[in-house]
Amino acid sequence: MSEQERSDRLTSAIGVDDIRALAGPATPHFALQIRNRIKRLIAPLPADHPARIEGEREAGRLTELANHSGEPRGAGPTARRT
């Protein structure tokens, strides 16, 4: 999946339905890429815009979803000392 956005999405009004359409079918593997696309789309919107509010909520959900991708990134479990 490319993080390149469709040019018509960047010039047209972004709505709550657009955010939901992007985030809805997200899988853990692509969650961070979709989150980045949503963040780019909502960046120019005012803080009280419904699409921005929904986008920020979905961005948080996608970040959490990415934590369950089966590809841990970070320190693994520590070995137990006996």
N, C-alpha and C. Protein backbone atom coordinates (compact mmCIF):
# COMPACT_ATOMS: atom_id res chain seq x y z
N MET A 1 0.85 -1.16 0.00
CA MET A 1 0.00 0.00 0.00
C MET A 1 0.89 1.23 0.00
N SER A 2 0.60 2.12 -0.87
CA SER A 2 1.36 3.35 -0.96
C SER A 2 0.80 4.38 -0.01
N GLU A 3 1.65 5.25 0.49
CA GLU A 3 1.17 6.35 1.31
C GLU A 3 0.85 7.56 0.44
N GLN A 4 0.98 7.42 -0.86
CA GLN A 4 0.64 8.49 -1.78
C GLN A 4 -0.87 8.68 -1.77
N GLU A 5 -1.31 9.90 -1.59
CA GLU A 5 -2.74 10.18 -1.53
C GLU A 5 -3.29 10.53 -2.90
N ARG A 6 -4.54 10.15 -3.13
CA ARG A 6 -5.22 10.54 -4.36
C ARG A 6 -5.35 12.06 -4.38
N SER A 7 -5.03 12.66 -5.50
CA SER A 7 -5.03 14.12 -5.59
C SER A 7 -6.41 14.72 -5.34
N ASP A 8 -7.48 14.01 -5.71
CA ASP A 8 -8.82 14.57 -5.47
C ASP A 8 -9.15 14.62 -3.98
N ARG A 9 -8.57 13.75 -3.18
CA ARG A 9 -8.80 13.81 -1.74
C ARG A 9 -8.13 15.02 -1.11
N LEU A 10 -7.04 15.46 -1.70
CA LEU A 10 -6.31 16.59 -1.13
C LEU A 10 -6.96 17.92 -1.47
N THR A 11 -7.78 17.98 -2.50
CA THR A 11 -8.39 19.24 -2.91
C THR A 11 -9.86 19.33 -2.56
N SER A 12 -10.51 18.22 -2.27
CA SER A 12 -11.93 18.25 -1.93
C SER A 12 -12.10 18.32 -0.41
N ALA A 13 -13.30 18.65 0.00
CA ALA A 13 -13.60 18.72 1.43
C ALA A 13 -13.53 17.32 2.04
N ILE A 14 -12.86 17.21 3.16
CA ILE A 14 -12.72 15.94 3.85
C ILE A 14 -13.84 15.84 4.88
N GLY A 15 -14.50 14.71 4.88
CA GLY A 15 -15.58 14.50 5.84
C GLY A 15 -15.33 13.29 6.71
N VAL A 16 -16.19 13.13 7.69
CA VAL A 16 -16.10 12.01 8.62
C VAL A 16 -16.16 10.69 7.85
N ASP A 17 -17.02 10.62 6.84
CA ASP A 17 -17.15 9.39 6.05
C ASP A 17 -15.85 9.04 5.32
N ASP A 18 -15.10 10.04 4.88
CA ASP A 18 -13.81 9.80 4.22
C ASP A 18 -12.83 9.16 5.21
N ILE A 19 -12.81 9.67 6.42
CA ILE A 19 -11.91 9.12 7.45
C ILE A 19 -12.30 7.68 7.75
N ARG A 20 -13.59 7.44 7.91
CA ARG A 20 -14.05 6.09 8.22
C ARG A 20 -13.78 5.12 7.07
N ALA A 21 -13.89 5.61 5.84
CA ALA A 21 -13.62 4.76 4.68
C ALA A 21 -12.16 4.34 4.64
N LEU A 22 -11.27 5.23 5.02
CA LEU A 22 -9.84 4.89 5.05
C LEU A 22 -9.49 3.97 6.20
N ALA A 23 -10.03 4.25 7.38
CA ALA A 23 -9.62 3.52 8.58
C ALA A 23 -10.37 2.21 8.77
N GLY A 24 -11.56 2.11 8.27
CA GLY A 24 -12.41 0.95 8.53
C GLY A 24 -11.78 -0.39 8.22
N PRO A 25 -11.26 -0.59 7.02
CA PRO A 25 -10.74 -1.91 6.67
C PRO A 25 -9.27 -2.14 7.06
N ALA A 26 -8.75 -1.33 7.95
CA ALA A 26 -7.33 -1.42 8.31
C ALA A 26 -6.99 -2.75 8.96
N THR A 27 -5.85 -3.27 8.58
CA THR A 27 -5.30 -4.46 9.22
C THR A 27 -4.06 -4.03 10.02
N PRO A 28 -3.64 -4.82 10.98
CA PRO A 28 -2.46 -4.43 11.76
C PRO A 28 -1.25 -4.12 10.90
N HIS A 29 -1.08 -4.87 9.82
CA HIS A 29 0.10 -4.69 8.97
C HIS A 29 0.16 -3.30 8.33
N PHE A 30 -1.00 -2.76 7.95
CA PHE A 30 -1.04 -1.47 7.25
C PHE A 30 -1.53 -0.33 8.13
N ALA A 31 -1.74 -0.57 9.40
CA ALA A 31 -2.34 0.44 10.28
C ALA A 31 -1.53 1.73 10.34
N LEU A 32 -0.23 1.65 10.43
CA LEU A 32 0.58 2.87 10.54
C LEU A 32 0.59 3.67 9.24
N GLN A 33 0.56 3.00 8.11
CA GLN A 33 0.50 3.72 6.84
C GLN A 33 -0.83 4.44 6.70
N ILE A 34 -1.91 3.79 7.08
CA ILE A 34 -3.23 4.42 7.00
C ILE A 34 -3.30 5.58 8.00
N ARG A 35 -2.76 5.38 9.19
CA ARG A 35 -2.72 6.45 10.18
C ARG A 35 -2.02 7.69 9.63
N ASN A 36 -0.89 7.48 8.95
CA ASN A 36 -0.14 8.60 8.38
C ASN A 36 -0.95 9.33 7.31
N ARG A 37 -1.68 8.57 6.49
CA ARG A 37 -2.52 9.18 5.46
C ARG A 37 -3.61 10.03 6.10
N ILE A 38 -4.23 9.51 7.14
CA ILE A 38 -5.29 10.26 7.82
C ILE A 38 -4.72 11.53 8.44
N LYS A 39 -3.57 11.43 9.07
CA LYS A 39 -2.96 12.61 9.69
C LYS A 39 -2.67 13.70 8.66
N ARG A 40 -2.22 13.29 7.47
CA ARG A 40 -1.96 14.26 6.41
C ARG A 40 -3.26 14.92 5.96
N LEU A 41 -4.32 14.14 5.86
CA LEU A 41 -5.60 14.69 5.41
C LEU A 41 -6.22 15.67 6.40
N ILE A 42 -6.08 15.41 7.69
CA ILE A 42 -6.72 16.25 8.68
C ILE A 42 -5.85 17.42 9.15
N ALA A 43 -4.59 17.41 8.79
CA ALA A 43 -3.67 18.46 9.26
C ALA A 43 -4.17 19.88 9.01
N PRO A 44 -4.72 20.19 7.83
CA PRO A 44 -5.15 21.58 7.61
C PRO A 44 -6.50 21.93 8.23
N LEU A 45 -7.20 20.97 8.79
CA LEU A 45 -8.52 21.21 9.33
C LEU A 45 -8.44 21.85 10.72
N PRO A 46 -9.42 22.71 11.06
CA PRO A 46 -9.43 23.29 12.40
C PRO A 46 -9.67 22.23 13.46
N ALA A 47 -9.26 22.50 14.68
CA ALA A 47 -9.34 21.52 15.77
C ALA A 47 -10.76 21.05 16.05
N ASP A 48 -11.76 21.87 15.79
CA ASP A 48 -13.14 21.50 16.09
C ASP A 48 -13.89 20.91 14.90
N HIS A 49 -13.20 20.68 13.80
CA HIS A 49 -13.83 20.10 12.61
C HIS A 49 -14.16 18.63 12.90
N PRO A 50 -15.37 18.19 12.57
CA PRO A 50 -15.76 16.80 12.85
C PRO A 50 -14.82 15.76 12.22
N ALA A 51 -14.34 16.02 11.01
CA ALA A 51 -13.43 15.06 10.37
C ALA A 51 -12.09 15.00 11.09
N ARG A 52 -11.65 16.13 11.63
CA ARG A 52 -10.38 16.12 12.38
C ARG A 52 -10.54 15.34 13.68
N ILE A 53 -11.65 15.56 14.35
CA ILE A 53 -11.91 14.85 15.61
C ILE A 53 -11.96 13.35 15.36
N GLU A 54 -12.68 12.94 14.31
CA GLU A 54 -12.77 11.52 13.96
C GLU A 54 -11.40 10.99 13.53
N GLY A 55 -10.66 11.80 12.77
CA GLY A 55 -9.34 11.39 12.31
C GLY A 55 -8.37 11.16 13.45
N GLU A 56 -8.40 12.03 14.44
CA GLU A 56 -7.51 11.86 15.59
C GLU A 56 -7.89 10.62 16.39
N ARG A 57 -9.19 10.37 16.52
CA ARG A 57 -9.64 9.18 17.23
C ARG A 57 -9.19 7.92 16.48
N GLU A 58 -9.37 7.91 15.17
CA GLU A 58 -8.97 6.76 14.36
C GLU A 58 -7.45 6.59 14.34
N ALA A 59 -6.71 7.69 14.34
CA ALA A 59 -5.25 7.60 14.36
C ALA A 59 -4.78 6.89 15.64
N GLY A 60 -5.42 7.20 16.75
CA GLY A 60 -5.09 6.52 18.00
C GLY A 60 -5.42 5.04 17.94
N ARG A 61 -6.57 4.72 17.37
CA ARG A 61 -6.98 3.32 17.24
C ARG A 61 -6.02 2.56 16.33
N LEU A 62 -5.60 3.20 15.24
CA LEU A 62 -4.69 2.54 14.30
C LEU A 62 -3.31 2.33 14.92
N THR A 63 -2.87 3.27 15.74
CA THR A 63 -1.59 3.09 16.43
C THR A 63 -1.67 1.88 17.34
N GLU A 64 -2.77 1.75 18.06
CA GLU A 64 -2.96 0.59 18.94
C GLU A 64 -3.06 -0.70 18.13
N LEU A 65 -3.77 -0.65 17.01
CA LEU A 65 -3.91 -1.82 16.15
C LEU A 65 -2.55 -2.30 15.64
N ALA A 66 -1.66 -1.36 15.33
CA ALA A 66 -0.33 -1.71 14.82
C ALA A 66 0.48 -2.46 15.86
N ASN A 67 0.17 -2.26 17.13
CA ASN A 67 0.89 -2.97 18.18
C ASN A 67 0.58 -4.46 18.18
N HIS A 68 -0.42 -4.87 17.44
CA HIS A 68 -0.83 -6.26 17.40
C HIS A 68 -0.57 -6.89 16.03
N SER A 69 0.46 -6.39 15.37
CA SER A 69 0.74 -6.84 14.01
C SER A 69 1.46 -8.18 13.96
N GLY A 70 1.93 -8.66 15.06
CA GLY A 70 2.71 -9.90 15.05
C GLY A 70 4.16 -9.65 14.71
N GLU A 71 4.52 -8.40 14.52
CA GLU A 71 5.89 -8.01 14.23
C GLU A 71 6.34 -7.03 15.31
N PRO A 72 6.66 -7.53 16.48
CA PRO A 72 7.05 -6.62 17.55
C PRO A 72 8.28 -5.81 17.18
N ARG A 73 8.23 -4.54 17.47
CA ARG A 73 9.36 -3.67 17.18
C ARG A 73 9.82 -3.04 18.48
N GLY A 74 10.84 -3.53 19.02
CA GLY A 74 11.33 -3.00 20.28
C GLY A 74 11.94 -4.13 21.08
N ALA A 75 12.17 -3.83 22.32
CA ALA A 75 12.80 -4.83 23.19
C ALA A 75 11.88 -6.03 23.35
N GLY A 76 12.42 -7.17 23.16
CA GLY A 76 11.66 -8.39 23.34
C GLY A 76 11.56 -8.73 24.80
N PRO A 77 10.93 -9.85 25.09
CA PRO A 77 10.83 -10.24 26.50
C PRO A 77 12.21 -10.53 27.06
N THR A 78 12.38 -10.17 28.30
CA THR A 78 13.67 -10.40 28.94
C THR A 78 13.73 -11.84 29.43
N ALA A 79 14.92 -12.39 29.38
CA ALA A 79 15.10 -13.78 29.83
C ALA A 79 14.99 -13.82 31.34
N ARG A 80 14.35 -14.84 31.83
CA ARG A 80 14.21 -15.01 33.27
C ARG A 80 15.47 -15.64 33.83
N ARG A 81 15.90 -15.08 34.91
CA ARG A 81 17.06 -15.65 35.60
C ARG A 81 16.58 -16.58 36.67
N THR A 82 17.14 -17.74 36.73
CA THR A 82 16.74 -18.70 37.76
C THR A 82 17.84 -18.95 38.73
